[in-house]
C-alpha atoms as a PDB file:
ATOM      1  CA  MET A   1      47.096 114.007 137.828  1.00  0.00           C
ATOM      2  CA  LYS A   2      46.059 116.994 139.967  1.00  0.00           C
ATOM      3  CA  ILE A   3      47.669 120.012 139.800  1.00  0.00           C
ATOM      4  CA  ASP A   4      48.454 121.944 143.085  1.00  0.00           C
ATOM      5  CA  ASP A   5      46.963 125.060 142.860  1.00  0.00           C
ATOM      6  CA  ARG A   6      46.717 126.885 146.352  1.00  0.00           C
ATOM      7  CA  ILE A   7      45.071 129.331 145.371  1.00  0.00           C
ATOM      8  CA  TRP A   8      42.040 127.925 143.863  1.00  0.00           C
ATOM      9  CA  ASP A   9      41.868 125.440 146.831  1.00  0.00           C
ATOM     10  CA  ILE A  10      41.552 128.525 149.305  1.00  0.00           C
ATOM     11  CA  ILE A  11      39.022 129.996 147.329  1.00  0.00           C
ATOM     12  CA  VAL A  12      36.797 126.228 146.953  1.00  0.00           C
ATOM     13  CA  THR A  13      37.075 126.771 150.630  1.00  0.00           C
ATOM     14  CA  ASP A  14      35.744 130.131 150.900  1.00  0.00           C
ATOM     15  CA  ALA A  15      32.575 129.354 148.449  1.00  0.00           C
ATOM     16  CA  GLN A  16      32.024 125.758 150.328  1.00  0.00           C
ATOM     17  CA  GLU A  17      30.843 128.023 153.672  1.00  0.00           C
ATOM     18  CA  ALA A  18      29.935 131.179 152.661  1.00  0.00           C
ATOM     19  CA  SER A  19      26.882 129.210 150.559  1.00  0.00           C
ATOM     20  CA  ALA A  20      26.845 127.224 153.995  1.00  0.00           C
ATOM     21  CA  ASP A  21      26.579 130.751 155.768  1.00  0.00           C
ATOM     22  CA  GLU A  22      23.862 131.594 153.292  1.00  0.00           C
ATOM     23  CA  PRO A  23      21.946 128.930 151.669  1.00  0.00           C
ATOM     24  CA  ILE A  24      20.101 131.339 149.648  1.00  0.00           C
ATOM     25  CA  MET A  25      22.683 131.906 147.822  1.00  0.00           C
ATOM     26  CA  ALA A  26      24.036 128.248 147.222  1.00  0.00           C
ATOM     27  CA  SER A  27      23.011 127.859 143.453  1.00  0.00           C
ATOM     28  CA  PHE A  28      24.985 131.127 143.041  1.00  0.00           C
ATOM     29  CA  PHE A  29      28.371 129.696 144.774  1.00  0.00           C
ATOM     30  CA  GLU A  30      28.033 126.659 142.606  1.00  0.00           C
ATOM     31  CA  ALA A  31      27.302 128.378 139.219  1.00  0.00           C
ATOM     32  CA  ALA A  32      30.533 130.598 140.196  1.00  0.00           C
ATOM     33  CA  ILE A  33      32.533 129.089 141.903  1.00  0.00           C
ATOM     34  CA  LEU A  34      31.652 125.037 143.227  1.00  0.00           C
ATOM     35  CA  ASN A  35      30.735 123.653 139.669  1.00  0.00           C
ATOM     36  CA  HIS A  36      34.467 124.240 138.518  1.00  0.00           C
ATOM     37  CA  SER A  37      37.679 122.278 138.100  1.00  0.00           C
ATOM     38  CA  SER A  38      39.631 125.654 138.031  1.00  0.00           C
ATOM     39  CA  LEU A  39      40.260 128.700 138.797  1.00  0.00           C
ATOM     40  CA  GLU A  40      40.110 129.530 134.628  1.00  0.00           C
ATOM     41  CA  ALA A  41      37.324 127.657 134.241  1.00  0.00           C
ATOM     42  CA  ALA A  42      35.321 129.484 137.163  1.00  0.00           C
ATOM     43  CA  LEU A  43      36.702 133.112 135.830  1.00  0.00           C
ATOM     44  CA  SER A  44      36.030 132.213 132.266  1.00  0.00           C
ATOM     45  CA  TYR A  45      32.160 131.732 133.220  1.00  0.00           C
ATOM     46  CA  HIS A  46      32.018 134.452 135.794  1.00  0.00           C
ATOM     47  CA  LEU A  47      33.168 137.104 133.897  1.00  0.00           C
ATOM     48  CA  ALA A  48      31.728 136.892 130.976  1.00  0.00           C
ATOM     49  CA  GLN A  49      28.296 136.893 132.929  1.00  0.00           C
ATOM     50  CA  GLN A  50      28.871 140.090 133.893  1.00  0.00           C
ATOM     51  CA  LEU A  51      29.214 141.243 129.704  1.00  0.00           C
ATOM     52  CA  GLY A  52      26.871 139.299 127.763  1.00  0.00           C
ATOM     53  CA  ASN A  53      24.220 140.382 125.845  1.00  0.00           C
ATOM     54  CA  LEU A  54      21.924 139.380 122.992  1.00  0.00           C
ATOM     55  CA  ILE A  55      24.501 140.441 120.595  1.00  0.00           C
ATOM     56  CA  LEU A  56      27.340 138.761 122.341  1.00  0.00           C
ATOM     57  CA  PRO A  57      25.601 136.390 124.435  1.00  0.00           C
ATOM     58  CA  ALA A  58      27.684 134.815 127.981  1.00  0.00           C
ATOM     59  CA  GLY A  59      28.461 131.404 126.471  1.00  0.00           C
ATOM     60  CA  LYS A  60      30.349 132.801 123.930  1.00  0.00           C
ATOM     61  CA  LEU A  61      32.539 135.556 125.864  1.00  0.00           C
ATOM     62  CA  SER A  62      33.172 132.717 128.419  1.00  0.00           C
ATOM     63  CA  GLU A  63      34.833 131.241 125.406  1.00  0.00           C
ATOM     64  CA  VAL A  64      36.899 134.106 123.891  1.00  0.00           C
ATOM     65  CA  ILE A  65      38.382 134.376 127.742  1.00  0.00           C
ATOM     66  CA  ALA A  66      38.705 130.302 128.324  1.00  0.00           C
ATOM     67  CA  ASP A  67      40.881 130.858 125.221  1.00  0.00           C
ATOM     68  CA  ALA A  68      42.985 133.677 125.825  1.00  0.00           C
ATOM     69  CA  LEU A  69      43.883 131.825 129.434  1.00  0.00           C
ATOM     70  CA  ARG A  70      45.005 129.325 127.902  1.00  0.00           C
ATOM     71  CA  ALA A  71      46.561 130.265 125.111  1.00  0.00           C
ATOM     72  CA  ASP A  72      48.886 132.866 128.036  1.00  0.00           C
ATOM     73  CA  PRO A  73      49.238 131.323 131.677  1.00  0.00           C
ATOM     74  CA  SER A  74      50.894 134.377 132.274  1.00  0.00           C
ATOM     75  CA  ILE A  75      47.539 136.226 132.905  1.00  0.00           C
ATOM     76  CA  GLY A  76      46.682 132.914 135.031  1.00  0.00           C
ATOM     77  CA  ARG A  77      49.441 133.894 137.195  1.00  0.00           C
ATOM     78  CA  SER A  78      48.944 137.877 136.975  1.00  0.00           C
ATOM     79  CA  ILE A  79      45.101 137.156 138.170  1.00  0.00           C
ATOM     80  CA  ARG A  80      46.438 134.660 141.048  1.00  0.00           C
ATOM     81  CA  LEU A  81      48.927 137.870 142.426  1.00  0.00           C
ATOM     82  CA  ASP A  82      45.781 140.310 142.343  1.00  0.00           C
ATOM     83  CA  ILE A  83      43.297 137.979 144.101  1.00  0.00           C
ATOM     84  CA  GLU A  84      46.809 137.895 147.143  1.00  0.00           C
ATOM     85  CA  ALA A  85      46.753 141.541 146.831  1.00  0.00           C
ATOM     86  CA  TYR A  86      43.253 142.035 147.575  1.00  0.00           C
ATOM     87  CA  PHE A  87      42.714 140.095 150.515  1.00  0.00           C
ATOM     88  CA  GLU A  88      46.400 141.231 151.823  1.00  0.00           C
ATOM     89  CA  ARG A  89      46.106 145.340 151.472  1.00  0.00           C
ATOM     90  CA  ASP A  90      41.806 145.953 151.579  1.00  0.00           C
ATOM     91  CA  ALA A  91      40.391 145.410 155.089  1.00  0.00           C
ATOM     92  CA  ALA A  92      37.084 145.210 153.606  1.00  0.00           C
ATOM     93  CA  CYS A  93      38.414 141.954 151.613  1.00  0.00           C
ATOM     94  CA  ASP A  94      37.592 139.030 153.923  1.00  0.00           C
ATOM     95  CA  SER A  95      37.942 136.137 152.136  1.00  0.00           C
ATOM     96  CA  HIS A  96      39.691 135.147 148.619  1.00  0.00           C
ATOM     97  CA  VAL A  97      36.795 134.400 146.998  1.00  0.00           C
ATOM     98  CA  THR A  98      35.031 137.903 147.609  1.00  0.00           C
ATOM     99  CA  PRO A  99      36.974 139.619 144.638  1.00  0.00           C
ATOM    100  CA  ILE A 100      36.394 137.753 142.218  1.00  0.00           C
ATOM    101  CA  LEU A 101      32.572 137.829 142.881  1.00  0.00           C
ATOM    102  CA  PHE A 102      32.158 141.015 143.967  1.00  0.00           C
ATOM    103  CA  PHE A 103      34.611 143.834 143.592  1.00  0.00           C
ATOM    104  CA  LYS A 104      34.490 145.053 139.823  1.00  0.00           C
ATOM    105  CA  GLY A 105      37.675 146.040 140.656  1.00  0.00           C
ATOM    106  CA  PHE A 106      39.602 143.309 140.055  1.00  0.00           C
ATOM    107  CA  GLN A 107      36.850 142.138 137.633  1.00  0.00           C
ATOM    108  CA  ALA A 108      37.140 144.795 135.209  1.00  0.00           C
ATOM    109  CA  LEU A 109      41.116 144.364 135.661  1.00  0.00           C
ATOM    110  CA  GLN A 110      40.810 140.793 134.964  1.00  0.00           C
ATOM    111  CA  LEU A 111      38.529 141.195 131.370  1.00  0.00           C
ATOM    112  CA  GLN A 112      40.732 144.035 130.939  1.00  0.00           C
ATOM    113  CA  ARG A 113      43.798 141.129 130.512  1.00  0.00           C
ATOM    114  CA  ILE A 114      41.877 139.676 128.479  1.00  0.00           C
ATOM    115  CA  SER A 115      41.161 142.611 126.320  1.00  0.00           C
ATOM    116  CA  HIS A 116      44.894 143.230 126.099  1.00  0.00           C
ATOM    117  CA  TRP A 117      45.553 139.541 124.576  1.00  0.00           C
ATOM    118  CA  LEU A 118      42.855 140.069 121.813  1.00  0.00           C
ATOM    119  CA  TRP A 119      44.284 143.388 121.197  1.00  0.00           C
ATOM    120  CA  ARG A 120      48.552 141.820 121.127  1.00  0.00           C
ATOM    121  CA  HIS A 121      47.056 139.207 119.088  1.00  0.00           C
ATOM    122  CA  ASP A 122      45.161 141.857 116.169  1.00  0.00           C
ATOM    123  CA  ARG A 123      41.677 141.344 117.590  1.00  0.00           C
ATOM    124  CA  ARG A 124      41.638 144.811 118.009  1.00  0.00           C
ATOM    125  CA  VAL A 125      37.653 145.028 117.444  1.00  0.00           C
ATOM    126  CA  LEU A 126      36.520 142.154 119.820  1.00  0.00           C
ATOM    127  CA  ALA A 127      39.136 144.247 122.463  1.00  0.00           C
ATOM    128  CA  LEU A 128      37.642 147.269 122.041  1.00  0.00           C
ATOM    129  CA  PHE A 129      34.014 145.466 122.163  1.00  0.00           C
ATOM    130  CA  PHE A 130      35.290 144.247 125.544  1.00  0.00           C
ATOM    131  CA  GLN A 131      36.302 147.674 127.061  1.00  0.00           C
ATOM    132  CA  ASN A 132      33.018 149.234 126.361  1.00  0.00           C
ATOM    133  CA  GLN A 133      31.030 146.615 127.807  1.00  0.00           C
ATOM    134  CA  ILE A 134      33.144 147.146 130.391  1.00  0.00           C
ATOM    135  CA  SER A 135      33.037 150.602 130.451  1.00  0.00           C
ATOM    136  CA  GLU A 136      29.164 150.538 130.678  1.00  0.00           C
ATOM    137  CA  THR A 137      29.188 147.453 133.298  1.00  0.00           C
ATOM    138  CA  PHE A 138      31.347 148.567 135.457  1.00  0.00           C
ATOM    139  CA  ALA A 139      32.236 152.191 135.243  1.00  0.00           C
ATOM    140  CA  ILE A 140      36.089 151.408 134.697  1.00  0.00           C
ATOM    141  CA  ASP A 141      37.429 152.458 131.212  1.00  0.00           C
ATOM    142  CA  ILE A 142      40.701 151.173 130.723  1.00  0.00           C
ATOM    143  CA  HIS A 143      42.133 150.926 127.059  1.00  0.00           C
ATOM    144  CA  PRO A 144      43.352 147.331 125.499  1.00  0.00           C
ATOM    145  CA  GLY A 145      46.721 148.977 124.730  1.00  0.00           C
ATOM    146  CA  ALA A 146      47.677 150.030 128.420  1.00  0.00           C
ATOM    147  CA  GLN A 147      50.232 146.983 130.273  1.00  0.00           C
ATOM    148  CA  ILE A 148      49.575 145.936 133.607  1.00  0.00           C
ATOM    149  CA  GLY A 149      51.778 144.781 134.848  1.00  0.00           C
ATOM    150  CA  SER A 150      50.935 142.001 138.565  1.00  0.00           C
ATOM    151  CA  GLY A 151      49.566 142.422 142.004  1.00  0.00           C
ATOM    152  CA  ILE A 152      47.622 145.130 141.291  1.00  0.00           C
ATOM    153  CA  MET A 153      44.295 146.317 143.590  1.00  0.00           C
ATOM    154  CA  ILE A 154      41.942 148.449 142.364  1.00  0.00           C
ATOM    155  CA  ASP A 155      39.931 150.267 145.254  1.00  0.00           C
ATOM    156  CA  HIS A 156      36.096 150.861 144.160  1.00  0.00           C
ATOM    157  CA  GLY A 157      37.565 151.537 140.754  1.00  0.00           C
ATOM    158  CA  THR A 158      34.567 153.966 139.677  1.00  0.00           C
ATOM    159  CA  GLY A 159      35.979 156.386 137.220  1.00  0.00           C
ATOM    160  CA  LEU A 160      38.965 155.201 136.638  1.00  0.00           C
ATOM    161  CA  VAL A 161      40.420 155.602 133.171  1.00  0.00           C
ATOM    162  CA  ILE A 162      43.955 154.340 132.081  1.00  0.00           C
ATOM    163  CA  GLY A 163      45.188 155.510 128.406  1.00  0.00           C
ATOM    164  CA  GLU A 164      46.010 153.395 125.238  1.00  0.00           C
ATOM    165  CA  THR A 165      50.251 153.274 125.840  1.00  0.00           C
ATOM    166  CA  ALA A 166      50.085 153.885 129.998  1.00  0.00           C
ATOM    167  CA  ILE A 167      51.990 150.988 131.862  1.00  0.00           C
ATOM    168  CA  ILE A 168      51.870 149.789 135.429  1.00  0.00           C
ATOM    169  CA  GLY A 169      54.553 147.778 137.240  1.00  0.00           C
ATOM    170  CA  ASN A 170      53.726 145.165 139.843  1.00  0.00           C
ATOM    171  CA  ASP A 171      52.762 145.261 142.852  1.00  0.00           C
ATOM    172  CA  VAL A 172      50.787 148.885 142.722  1.00  0.00           C
ATOM    173  CA  SER A 173      47.712 150.020 144.771  1.00  0.00           C
ATOM    174  CA  ILE A 174      45.143 152.092 142.782  1.00  0.00           C
ATOM    175  CA  LEU A 175      41.499 153.766 144.272  1.00  0.00           C
ATOM    176  CA  HIS A 176      38.819 155.448 142.177  1.00  0.00           C
ATOM    177  CA  SER A 177      38.653 158.296 140.310  1.00  0.00           C
ATOM    178  CA  VAL A 178      42.323 158.328 138.799  1.00  0.00           C
ATOM    179  CA  THR A 179      43.349 159.276 135.115  1.00  0.00           C
ATOM    180  CA  LEU A 180      46.212 158.017 133.833  1.00  0.00           C
ATOM    181  CA  GLY A 181      45.967 160.132 130.524  1.00  0.00           C
ATOM    182  CA  GLY A 182      47.169 161.677 127.862  1.00  0.00           C
ATOM    183  CA  SER A 183      47.972 165.402 127.174  1.00  0.00           C
ATOM    184  CA  GLY A 184      47.072 167.106 123.818  1.00  0.00           C
ATOM    185  CA  CYS A 185      45.931 165.438 120.247  1.00  0.00           C
ATOM    186  CA  ILE A 186      49.101 164.175 119.553  1.00  0.00           C
ATOM    187  CA  GLY A 187      48.983 160.263 119.232  1.00  0.00           C
ATOM    188  CA  GLY A 188      51.637 157.839 119.841  1.00  0.00           C
ATOM    189  CA  ASP A 189      53.299 157.278 123.524  1.00  0.00           C
ATOM    190  CA  ARG A 190      51.102 159.981 125.027  1.00  0.00           C
ATOM    191  CA  HIS A 191      50.415 157.738 128.561  1.00  0.00           C
ATOM    192  CA  PRO A 192      51.791 157.732 131.975  1.00  0.00           C
ATOM    193  CA  LYS A 193      54.621 155.361 132.788  1.00  0.00           C
ATOM    194  CA  ILE A 194      54.336 153.842 137.022  1.00  0.00           C
ATOM    195  CA  GLY A 195      56.699 152.207 138.309  1.00  0.00           C
ATOM    196  CA  ASN A 196      56.399 149.042 140.895  1.00  0.00           C
ATOM    197  CA  GLY A 197      55.187 149.537 144.286  1.00  0.00           C
ATOM    198  CA  VAL A 198      53.115 152.791 143.649  1.00  0.00           C
ATOM    199  CA  MET A 199      50.252 153.776 145.365  1.00  0.00           C
ATOM    200  CA  ILE A 200      47.954 156.401 143.645  1.00  0.00           C
ATOM    201  CA  SER A 201      45.529 157.699 146.123  1.00  0.00           C
ATOM    202  CA  ALA A 202      41.556 158.773 145.261  1.00  0.00           C
ATOM    203  CA  GLY A 203      41.088 161.641 142.500  1.00  0.00           C
ATOM    204  CA  ALA A 204      44.178 161.420 141.524  1.00  0.00           C
ATOM    205  CA  LYS A 205      45.190 162.569 137.360  1.00  0.00           C
ATOM    206  CA  ILE A 206      48.902 161.529 136.162  1.00  0.00           C
ATOM    207  CA  LEU A 207      48.441 162.818 132.649  1.00  0.00           C
ATOM    208  CA  GLY A 208      51.553 162.654 129.515  1.00  0.00           C
ATOM    209  CA  ASN A 209      53.823 160.310 129.073  1.00  0.00           C
ATOM    210  CA  ILE A 210      55.404 161.164 131.989  1.00  0.00           C
ATOM    211  CA  THR A 211      57.050 158.555 134.648  1.00  0.00           C
ATOM    212  CA  VAL A 212      56.413 157.936 138.654  1.00  0.00           C
ATOM    213  CA  GLY A 213      59.044 156.233 139.638  1.00  0.00           C
ATOM    214  CA  GLU A 214      59.312 152.756 141.913  1.00  0.00           C
ATOM    215  CA  GLY A 215      57.909 153.463 145.518  1.00  0.00           C
ATOM    216  CA  SER A 216      56.391 156.287 145.679  1.00  0.00           C
ATOM    217  CA  LYS A 217      52.997 157.694 146.755  1.00  0.00           C
ATOM    218  CA  VAL A 218      50.014 159.924 144.754  1.00  0.00           C
ATOM    219  CA  GLY A 219      48.259 161.918 146.510  1.00  0.00           C
ATOM    220  CA  ALA A 220      44.743 162.086 146.490  1.00  0.00           C
ATOM    221  CA  GLY A 221      43.535 164.893 143.975  1.00  0.00           C
ATOM    222  CA  SER A 222      46.456 165.467 142.660  1.00  0.00           C
ATOM    223  CA  LEU A 223      47.058 166.717 139.688  1.00  0.00           C
ATOM    224  CA  LEU A 224      50.903 165.577 137.927  1.00  0.00           C
ATOM    225  CA  LEU A 225      52.767 166.659 134.810  1.00  0.00           C
ATOM    226  CA  GLY A 226      56.088 165.453 135.024  1.00  0.00           C
ATOM    227  CA  ASP A 227      58.000 163.008 136.229  1.00  0.00           C
ATOM    228  CA  VAL A 228      58.230 161.708 139.756  1.00  0.00           C
ATOM    229  CA  PRO A 229      61.228 160.371 141.693  1.00  0.00           C
ATOM    230  CA  ALA A 230      61.343 156.747 143.073  1.00  0.00           C
ATOM    231  CA  HIS A 231      60.637 157.060 147.021  1.00  0.00           C
ATOM    232  CA  VAL A 232      58.992 159.976 146.720  1.00  0.00           C
ATOM    233  CA  THR A 233      54.997 161.296 148.272  1.00  0.00           C
ATOM    234  CA  VAL A 234      53.967 164.282 145.954  1.00  0.00           C
ATOM    235  CA  ALA A 235      50.443 165.962 146.723  1.00  0.00           C
ATOM    236  CA  GLY A 236      48.938 169.089 145.038  1.00  0.00           C
ATOM    237  CA  VAL A 237      47.617 170.466 142.047  1.00  0.00           C
ATOM    238  CA  PRO A 238      50.045 170.658 140.354  1.00  0.00           C
ATOM    239  CA  ALA A 239      51.741 168.407 142.844  1.00  0.00           C
ATOM    240  CA  LYS A 240      55.079 168.419 144.207  1.00  0.00           C
ATOM    241  CA  ILE A 241      56.969 166.203 146.723  1.00  0.00           C
ATOM    242  CA  VAL A 242      55.926 166.614 150.553  1.00  0.00           C
ATOM    243  CA  GLY A 243      57.694 163.638 151.796  1.00  0.00           C
ATOM    244  CA  ARG A 244      58.907 160.035 151.653  1.00  0.00           C
ATOM    245  CA  PRO A 245      56.797 157.281 152.176  1.00  0.00           C
ATOM    246  CA  ASP A 246      57.899 155.072 155.174  1.00  0.00           C
ATOM    247  CA  GLY A 247      58.504 151.744 153.231  1.00  0.00           C
ATOM    248  CA  ASP A 248      59.531 151.134 150.234  1.00  0.00           C
ATOM    249  CA  ALA A 249      56.428 149.893 148.687  1.00  0.00           C
ATOM    250  CA  PRO A 250      53.456 152.236 149.754  1.00  0.00           C
ATOM    251  CA  ALA A 251      50.945 150.387 147.915  1.00  0.00           C
ATOM    252  CA  LEU A 252      51.557 147.245 149.999  1.00  0.00           C
ATOM    253  CA  GLU A 253      50.549 149.557 153.131  1.00  0.00           C
ATOM    254  CA  MET A 254      47.945 151.906 152.184  1.00  0.00           C
ATOM    255  CA  ASP A 255      49.004 154.530 154.253  1.00  0.00           C
ATOM    256  CA  GLN A 256      46.971 157.871 152.155  1.00  0.00           C
ATOM    257  CA  TYR A 257      48.517 160.432 155.501  1.00  0.00           C
ATOM    258  CA  LEU A 258      51.172 162.757 154.044  1.00  0.00           C
ATOM    259  CA  ASP A 259      54.506 162.540 154.913  1.00  0.00           C
ATOM    260  CA  THR A 260      56.255 166.096 155.332  1.00  0.00           C
ATOM    261  CA  VAL A 261      59.544 166.366 154.934  1.00  0.00           C
END
């Protein structure tokens, strides 16, 4: 019996139309999307192609990714919500297939979901291999231990760093050159906790085991060293409250302007 999967059906249609529009890339769309029976199968193949090398070829990595997706269906649910997030929030995303094939922020995020599964199942050497390859391939460094929610949109992503004990809620948007880092050389729980609906603008640095409350907005280039309450806009070095977002979840609006008090 065919399982209803609206997102996958849309992706297949998008790939078919794109293939017809650009026949020279027909074989690419066939290999990446149209030759597969599900989103999980397509992603296992396509993501492995990004990381494969002579030591661990794409075929082996594809098996690892597929195993994780079969073992934990919640990863697949998060992936679908991420695709919707890109389509709804990123003006450059004109179809549901685009982030899968062309957006490195999306690709790095899904590979981190796999590395996080490996990390939780004590396959830490392989998880760290994934982290290293993601960093080398996409210039995005996310530790396998980081806990990331669903409906996440990483716009561009170049220079993004997320540390081991960071926790990111649902429906969060993050732009390039953002750091969710530690402070000092003390181990343990040392990275930021980001609430639901938060938008973190380009170049923001959020350091230490601090909390950014839900529905808040972090201005571009800001430095956060302390907790941020819910539903405020912060900006500056060091960051201070400068206003309140218009809506409850600024991540969904992607409005980069500051909101004066």
